[in-house]
Amino acid sequence: MEIKILGTGCAKCNELYKRVSELNGELGLEADVKKVEDLRDILAAGVMSTPALVVNGKVKSTGKVPGKDALKKYIQEEI
């Protein structure tokens, strides 16, 4: 499983990365969690508002930091 956090390094982007990383450990996943900060890569994903969560190539959330339950749902949809 590949999880990407798209954002330019703002506080919300960093918070989303932290939450996803913690959840990855809690769920016992072997997911590859990456931060994508290059604006060209972010725009290429079709994201216009950051932070964004991309799971297995599918944009799950943009422009906010979802709560733990929503993050868990987004990730489990792709297991």
Protein backbone atom coordinates (compact mmCIF):
# COMPACT_ATOMS: atom_id res chain seq x y z
CA MET A 1 0.00 0.00 0.00
CA GLU A 2 1.23 3.46 -0.87
CA ILE A 3 0.05 6.53 1.02
CA LYS A 4 1.08 10.02 -0.03
CA ILE A 5 0.61 13.27 1.81
CA LEU A 6 0.59 16.11 -0.72
CA GLY A 7 1.44 19.54 0.56
CA THR A 8 4.10 22.21 0.56
CA GLY A 9 5.25 21.61 4.14
CA CYS A 10 2.72 23.74 6.01
CA ALA A 11 1.61 22.91 9.56
CA LYS A 12 -1.55 21.14 8.34
CA CYS A 13 0.46 19.02 5.90
CA ASN A 14 2.85 18.00 8.66
CA GLU A 15 -0.06 17.19 10.99
CA LEU A 16 -1.68 14.96 8.36
CA TYR A 17 1.62 13.15 7.82
CA LYS A 18 1.97 12.62 11.58
CA ARG A 19 -1.59 11.28 11.94
CA VAL A 20 -1.26 8.91 9.00
CA SER A 21 2.11 7.62 10.23
CA GLU A 22 0.67 6.95 13.70
CA LEU A 23 -2.38 5.22 12.23
CA ASN A 24 -0.15 3.12 9.99
CA GLY A 25 1.54 1.77 13.12
CA GLU A 26 -1.72 1.28 15.02
CA LEU A 27 -3.28 -0.70 12.19
CA GLY A 28 -0.11 -2.75 11.74
CA LEU A 29 0.13 -1.87 8.07
CA GLU A 30 3.23 -2.16 5.94
CA ALA A 31 2.24 1.00 4.05
CA ASP A 32 4.83 3.22 2.43
CA VAL A 33 3.98 6.72 3.70
CA LYS A 34 5.55 9.54 1.67
CA LYS A 35 5.44 13.32 1.76
CA VAL A 36 5.16 14.98 -1.65
CA GLU A 37 6.11 18.64 -1.53
CA ASP A 38 6.90 19.37 -5.19
CA LEU A 39 4.17 21.63 -6.55
CA ARG A 40 4.34 20.04 -10.01
CA ASP A 41 3.71 16.59 -8.54
CA ILE A 42 0.83 17.93 -6.45
CA LEU A 43 -0.81 19.57 -9.47
CA ALA A 44 -0.20 16.45 -11.60
CA ALA A 45 -2.31 14.51 -9.08
CA GLY A 46 -5.18 16.94 -9.75
CA VAL A 47 -4.96 18.46 -6.27
CA MET A 48 -5.69 22.18 -5.98
CA SER A 49 -6.01 22.41 -2.19
CA THR A 50 -3.57 20.99 0.32
CA PRO A 51 -3.02 19.01 2.40
CA ALA A 52 -4.21 16.06 0.38
CA LEU A 53 -4.30 12.36 1.17
CA VAL A 54 -3.69 9.90 -1.66
CA VAL A 55 -4.04 6.16 -1.00
CA ASN A 56 -2.94 3.75 -3.73
CA GLY A 57 -3.18 6.51 -6.31
CA LYS A 58 -6.69 7.63 -5.30
CA VAL A 59 -7.24 11.10 -3.85
CA LYS A 60 -9.20 10.60 -0.65
CA SER A 61 -9.16 14.06 0.94
CA THR A 62 -8.09 17.61 0.06
CA GLY A 63 -7.85 20.91 1.88
CA LYS A 64 -8.18 19.59 5.44
CA VAL A 65 -6.78 17.29 8.06
CA PRO A 66 -9.37 14.52 8.50
CA GLY A 67 -10.01 13.05 11.92
CA LYS A 68 -8.66 9.66 12.93
CA ASP A 69 -11.88 7.78 12.13
CA ALA A 70 -12.08 9.27 8.63
CA LEU A 71 -8.41 8.50 7.97
CA LYS A 72 -8.90 4.92 9.11
CA LYS A 73 -11.89 4.58 6.76
CA TYR A 74 -9.95 5.99 3.78
CA ILE A 75 -7.08 3.60 4.37
CA GLN A 76 -9.23 0.54 5.02
CA GLU A 77 -11.15 1.16 1.77
CA GLU A 78 -7.91 0.38 -0.07
CA ILE A 79 -6.80 -2.70 1.87
